[in-house]
Protein backbone atom coordinates (compact mmCIF):
# COMPACT_ATOMS: atom_id res chain seq x y z
CA MET A 1 -42.55 31.58 22.73
CA VAL A 2 -41.60 30.72 19.15
CA THR A 3 -39.10 33.10 17.60
CA PRO A 4 -39.54 34.23 13.98
CA ARG A 5 -36.36 32.37 13.04
CA ASN A 6 -37.79 29.06 14.22
CA SER A 7 -41.31 29.70 13.05
CA VAL A 8 -40.39 29.25 9.40
CA CYS A 9 -39.55 25.59 10.17
CA LEU A 10 -43.04 24.87 11.50
CA ARG A 11 -45.78 23.22 9.46
CA LYS A 12 -48.03 25.46 7.42
CA GLU A 13 -51.03 24.38 9.47
CA VAL A 14 -49.59 26.16 12.52
CA GLY A 15 -48.33 29.24 10.68
CA GLY A 16 -44.90 28.12 9.52
CA LEU A 17 -43.30 27.75 6.08
CA GLU A 18 -42.04 24.16 6.48
CA VAL A 19 -38.47 25.17 5.75
CA ARG A 20 -36.14 22.35 6.67
CA ARG A 21 -33.50 22.79 9.33
CA ILE A 22 -30.42 22.55 7.14
CA SER A 23 -28.05 21.23 9.83
CA GLU A 24 -30.40 18.47 10.99
CA PHE A 25 -31.39 17.59 7.43
CA ASN A 26 -27.72 17.28 6.43
CA SER A 27 -27.04 15.02 9.45
CA ALA A 28 -29.98 12.83 8.42
CA LEU A 29 -28.61 12.46 4.88
CA LEU A 30 -25.13 11.63 6.19
CA GLY A 31 -26.70 9.17 8.61
CA LYS A 32 -28.33 7.43 5.65
CA TRP A 33 -24.89 7.03 4.08
CA CYS A 34 -23.58 5.59 7.37
CA TRP A 35 -26.40 3.07 7.22
CA ARG A 36 -25.62 2.16 3.62
CA LEU A 37 -21.98 1.61 4.59
CA LEU A 38 -23.22 -1.15 6.90
CA VAL A 39 -25.65 -2.90 4.56
CA GLU A 40 -24.32 -2.38 1.01
CA LYS A 41 -20.79 -3.73 1.26
CA GLU A 42 -21.03 -5.58 -2.06
CA SER A 43 -21.96 -2.47 -4.08
CA LEU A 44 -19.63 -0.83 -6.60
CA TRP A 45 -19.48 2.50 -4.74
CA TYR A 46 -18.47 0.74 -1.51
CA ARG A 47 -15.65 -1.12 -3.28
CA VAL A 48 -14.43 2.21 -4.71
CA LEU A 49 -14.32 3.74 -1.22
CA SER A 50 -12.60 0.64 0.12
CA SER A 51 -9.96 0.88 -2.61
CA ARG A 52 -9.33 4.57 -1.91
CA TYR A 53 -9.45 4.75 1.89
CA GLY A 54 -8.72 1.18 2.93
CA GLU A 55 -10.67 -1.27 5.05
CA GLU A 56 -9.94 -3.01 8.33
CA GLY A 57 -12.11 -5.52 10.13
CA GLY A 58 -15.06 -4.87 7.81
CA ASN A 59 -14.99 -1.08 8.39
CA LEU A 60 -13.72 1.64 6.07
CA LEU A 61 -10.86 3.71 7.45
CA ASP A 62 -11.25 7.44 8.03
CA SER A 63 -8.05 8.53 6.22
CA GLU A 64 -8.93 12.17 6.86
CA ARG A 65 -5.69 13.60 5.49
CA CYS A 66 -6.49 12.59 1.92
CA ALA A 67 -10.27 12.39 2.21
CA SER A 68 -12.90 14.53 0.53
CA ALA A 69 -15.08 16.90 2.57
CA TRP A 70 -18.01 14.49 2.12
CA TRP A 71 -16.06 11.55 3.54
CA ARG A 72 -14.66 13.61 6.42
CA ALA A 73 -18.24 14.56 7.37
CA ILE A 74 -19.32 10.91 7.31
CA ALA A 75 -16.26 9.87 9.35
CA ALA A 76 -17.08 12.55 11.95
CA LEU A 77 -20.69 11.37 12.14
CA ARG A 78 -19.63 7.74 12.60
CA ARG A 79 -17.63 8.79 15.65
CA GLU A 80 -20.65 10.44 17.25
CA SER A 81 -22.72 8.42 19.68
CA TRP A 82 -26.21 9.20 18.40
CA PHE A 83 -25.82 7.07 15.28
CA SER A 84 -24.08 4.07 16.87
CA ASN A 85 -26.41 4.14 19.88
CA ASN A 86 -29.46 3.85 17.64
CA VAL A 87 -28.20 1.08 15.37
CA CYS A 88 -28.46 -2.59 16.33
CA ARG A 89 -25.87 -4.92 14.80
CA LEU A 90 -26.87 -8.45 13.77
CA MET A 91 -23.65 -10.41 13.44
CA GLY A 92 -24.80 -12.92 10.79
CA ASP A 93 -21.78 -14.86 9.50
CA GLY A 94 -19.36 -12.45 11.23
CA LYS A 95 -17.53 -11.37 8.07
CA ASN A 96 -18.34 -7.71 8.68
CA THR A 97 -17.89 -7.76 12.45
CA ASN A 98 -14.51 -6.86 13.94
CA PHE A 99 -13.61 -9.42 16.60
CA TRP A 100 -11.90 -6.92 18.90
CA GLU A 101 -13.47 -3.51 18.29
CA ASP A 102 -17.15 -4.16 17.51
CA VAL A 103 -19.68 -4.89 20.24
CA TRP A 104 -20.93 -8.36 19.33
CA ILE A 105 -20.92 -10.21 22.66
CA GLY A 106 -21.96 -8.61 25.93
CA GLY A 107 -22.38 -4.86 26.25
CA VAL A 108 -18.83 -3.72 25.43
CA SER A 109 -16.17 -4.59 22.89
CA LEU A 110 -13.50 -7.19 23.64
CA LYS A 111 -10.95 -4.41 23.10
CA GLU A 112 -12.32 -2.67 26.20
CA SER A 113 -12.86 -5.82 28.27
CA PHE A 114 -9.43 -7.30 27.46
CA SER A 115 -7.32 -4.25 26.64
CA ARG A 116 -4.05 -5.99 27.59
CA LEU A 117 -4.67 -8.88 25.20
CA PHE A 118 -5.71 -6.44 22.48
CA GLU A 119 -2.35 -4.67 22.78
CA LEU A 120 -0.49 -8.00 22.50
CA SER A 121 -2.59 -9.28 19.59
CA VAL A 122 -0.98 -9.40 16.14
CA GLU A 123 -4.30 -9.52 14.25
CA LYS A 124 -6.19 -6.48 15.54
CA GLY A 125 -8.36 -6.17 12.42
CA VAL A 126 -9.51 -9.78 12.24
CA SER A 127 -13.23 -10.49 11.83
CA VAL A 128 -15.38 -12.82 13.92
CA PHE A 129 -15.77 -15.03 10.82
CA ASP A 130 -12.00 -15.47 10.43
CA MET A 131 -11.47 -16.12 14.15
CA PHE A 132 -14.20 -18.76 14.17
CA HIS A 133 -12.80 -20.64 11.18
CA LEU A 134 -9.26 -20.51 12.53
CA GLY A 135 -10.61 -21.99 15.76
CA TRP A 136 -10.73 -19.76 18.84
CA GLY A 137 -10.24 -22.48 21.40
CA GLU A 138 -7.13 -22.51 23.54
CA ASN A 139 -3.84 -22.90 21.62
CA SER A 140 -5.58 -22.54 18.26
CA GLU A 141 -4.25 -20.66 15.22
CA ALA A 142 -6.62 -17.75 15.83
CA TRP A 143 -4.58 -16.45 18.78
CA LYS A 144 -1.41 -14.76 17.54
CA TRP A 145 0.60 -12.78 20.07
CA ARG A 146 3.64 -10.55 19.83
CA ARG A 147 5.31 -12.60 22.57
CA ARG A 148 4.66 -15.64 24.74
CA LEU A 149 1.87 -14.95 27.23
CA PHE A 150 2.36 -15.12 30.96
CA VAL A 151 0.16 -17.53 32.91
CA TRP A 152 -2.18 -14.76 34.13
CA GLU A 153 -2.54 -13.54 30.55
CA GLU A 154 -3.45 -17.07 29.46
CA GLU A 155 -6.17 -16.98 32.12
CA LYS A 156 -7.52 -13.82 30.47
CA THR A 157 -7.58 -15.63 27.12
CA THR A 158 -9.56 -18.44 28.67
CA GLN A 159 -12.11 -15.93 29.97
CA GLN A 160 -12.40 -14.41 26.51
CA ILE A 161 -13.13 -17.63 24.62
CA VAL A 162 -16.78 -17.69 23.66
CA ASP A 163 -17.30 -21.43 24.02
CA THR A 164 -16.22 -21.39 27.67
CA PRO A 165 -16.41 -24.53 29.83
CA VAL A 166 -19.28 -25.35 32.16
CA ASP A 167 -20.48 -22.89 34.76
CA VAL A 168 -17.88 -23.57 37.45
CA LYS A 169 -20.10 -21.97 40.11
CA SER A 170 -22.11 -25.19 40.12
CA LEU A 171 -19.05 -27.00 41.49
CA TRP A 172 -19.05 -25.12 44.79
CA GLN A 173 -21.24 -27.38 46.90
CA LYS A 174 -20.81 -27.65 50.65
CA ASP A 175 -20.79 -31.48 50.53
CA ILE A 176 -17.86 -31.63 48.08
CA PRO A 177 -14.32 -31.51 49.55
CA LEU A 178 -12.49 -28.33 48.66
CA LYS A 179 -9.53 -30.14 47.08
CA VAL A 180 -11.93 -31.98 44.76
CA VAL A 181 -13.59 -28.72 43.70
CA ILE A 182 -10.23 -27.06 43.00
CA PHE A 183 -9.06 -30.07 40.98
CA ALA A 184 -12.28 -30.06 38.92
CA TRP A 185 -11.98 -26.30 38.38
CA ARG A 186 -8.42 -26.72 37.06
CA LEU A 187 -9.55 -29.62 34.88
CA PHE A 188 -12.39 -27.65 33.26
CA ARG A 189 -10.07 -24.68 32.69
CA ASN A 190 -7.32 -26.92 31.28
CA ARG A 191 -4.93 -25.80 34.00
CA LEU A 192 -3.64 -29.19 35.12
CA PRO A 193 0.08 -29.90 34.52
CA THR A 194 -0.50 -32.29 31.64
CA LYS A 195 2.42 -32.67 29.29
CA ASP A 196 0.88 -30.59 26.51
CA ASN A 197 0.45 -27.69 28.97
CA LEU A 198 3.99 -28.08 30.29
CA LEU A 199 5.31 -28.02 26.71
CA ARG A 200 3.28 -24.90 25.89
CA ARG A 201 4.62 -23.09 28.95
CA GLY A 202 8.22 -23.97 28.15
CA ILE A 203 8.72 -26.32 31.12
CA LEU A 204 9.24 -29.27 28.78
CA ASN A 205 11.11 -28.98 25.51
CA ASN A 206 10.60 -30.78 22.23
CA ASN A 207 13.20 -33.38 23.17
CA ASP A 208 11.21 -34.50 26.20
CA THR A 209 8.54 -37.10 25.61
CA CYS A 210 5.04 -35.64 25.71
CA LEU A 211 3.25 -38.93 25.24
CA CYS A 212 0.62 -40.24 27.60
CA VAL A 213 1.92 -41.56 30.91
CA ALA A 214 -0.14 -44.74 30.38
CA GLY A 215 2.11 -45.66 27.42
CA CYS A 216 -0.49 -45.52 24.65
CA ASP A 217 1.72 -43.39 22.32
CA SER A 218 -0.77 -40.48 22.21
CA LEU A 219 -0.16 -36.86 23.18
CA GLU A 220 -0.98 -36.35 26.84
CA THR A 221 -3.81 -33.82 27.07
CA ALA A 222 -6.52 -33.48 29.69
CA ASN A 223 -9.17 -34.77 27.27
CA HIS A 224 -7.07 -37.81 26.39
CA LEU A 225 -5.83 -38.56 29.90
CA PHE A 226 -9.24 -38.51 31.58
CA LEU A 227 -11.52 -39.78 28.82
CA HIS A 228 -9.92 -41.21 25.68
CA CYS A 229 -6.89 -43.09 26.89
CA PRO A 230 -7.49 -46.88 26.71
CA LEU A 231 -6.79 -47.13 30.45
CA SER A 232 -9.24 -44.42 31.55
CA GLY A 233 -11.71 -45.46 28.84
CA SER A 234 -11.87 -48.98 30.23
CA VAL A 235 -12.59 -47.56 33.70
CA TRP A 236 -15.47 -45.48 32.33
CA ASN A 237 -16.87 -48.53 30.52
CA LEU A 238 -16.91 -50.47 33.82
CA ILE A 239 -18.67 -47.56 35.57
CA LEU A 240 -21.30 -47.28 32.83
CA ARG A 241 -22.03 -51.01 33.00
CA TRP A 242 -22.23 -50.81 36.78
CA VAL A 243 -24.86 -48.01 36.71
CA GLY A 244 -26.67 -49.60 33.75
CA LEU A 245 -26.12 -46.84 31.19
CA SER A 246 -25.18 -46.96 27.52
CA THR A 247 -23.85 -43.72 26.01
CA THR A 248 -21.16 -42.35 23.72
CA ALA A 249 -17.94 -41.08 25.19
CA PRO A 250 -17.96 -37.27 25.66
CA PHE A 251 -15.29 -35.23 23.91
CA SER A 252 -14.09 -33.22 26.91
CA PRO A 253 -14.42 -33.23 30.72
CA SER A 254 -16.84 -30.30 30.53
CA ASP A 255 -19.01 -32.30 28.10
CA HIS A 256 -18.87 -35.21 30.53
CA PHE A 257 -19.95 -32.96 33.40
CA THR A 258 -22.87 -31.58 31.36
CA GLN A 259 -23.88 -35.11 30.37
CA PHE A 260 -23.84 -36.14 34.03
CA ILE A 261 -25.97 -33.13 35.10
CA LEU A 262 -28.54 -33.65 32.33
CA GLY A 263 -28.64 -37.35 33.12
CA GLY A 264 -29.94 -36.66 36.61
CA GLY A 265 -26.68 -36.75 38.54
CA GLY A 266 -26.67 -33.09 39.45
CA PRO A 267 -27.68 -31.49 42.69
CA HIS A 268 -31.34 -31.87 43.67
CA MET A 269 -33.60 -29.45 45.49
């Protein structure tokens, strides 16, 4: 049964007066402003709000202590789930997407998936655009920590990197010896004790030589040692001639593995 109080909000065709529900109408107007905050970041009014309340990771700060009633209402609405659950974010160039706090890969934010690394991170407000251009591979400038990471924390960083190595599950084949699988897994994850890894973990110091063990005067990394060193490169050239292939040298072991799989060397049904 429709009460008289609600009947005034019905359409005239069914006996109402079409009076708007003030609370819902106000939420709709505030929701429109929340939408404009996402899509009109170059406008003058947005720059004014950014100057007054501050901005971090492409999002305006709440700053409720010194905020107007209008801005406090918008900040409260942004924290509610109904707006965020009904808005789909397209990352684009990543300038307006917070690397840690926005949901841009998978179903949850990296802050939730890797809470320990988020606490140790120096740049909590960095955008996806900035992380990408700094280089988010291992040991790149994008990763800035408050202290040196432990080995298990470095493993977490490896899991977080978007351009992860090959799917290591494809390595676990019953015909491959276990020690070979484990070695390949460590190689793809850059967990072998190459000299660059030993230097990064503090086992070697700057006074120790970190050059390739083959004596080619290049830094000893996994990529160099297994693919680009003149010694290993000559071995690969002999193998390619033996199997009758002509191809460019892959950049990394994971690229080499992918090249091998696509070339027909993978497991067959």
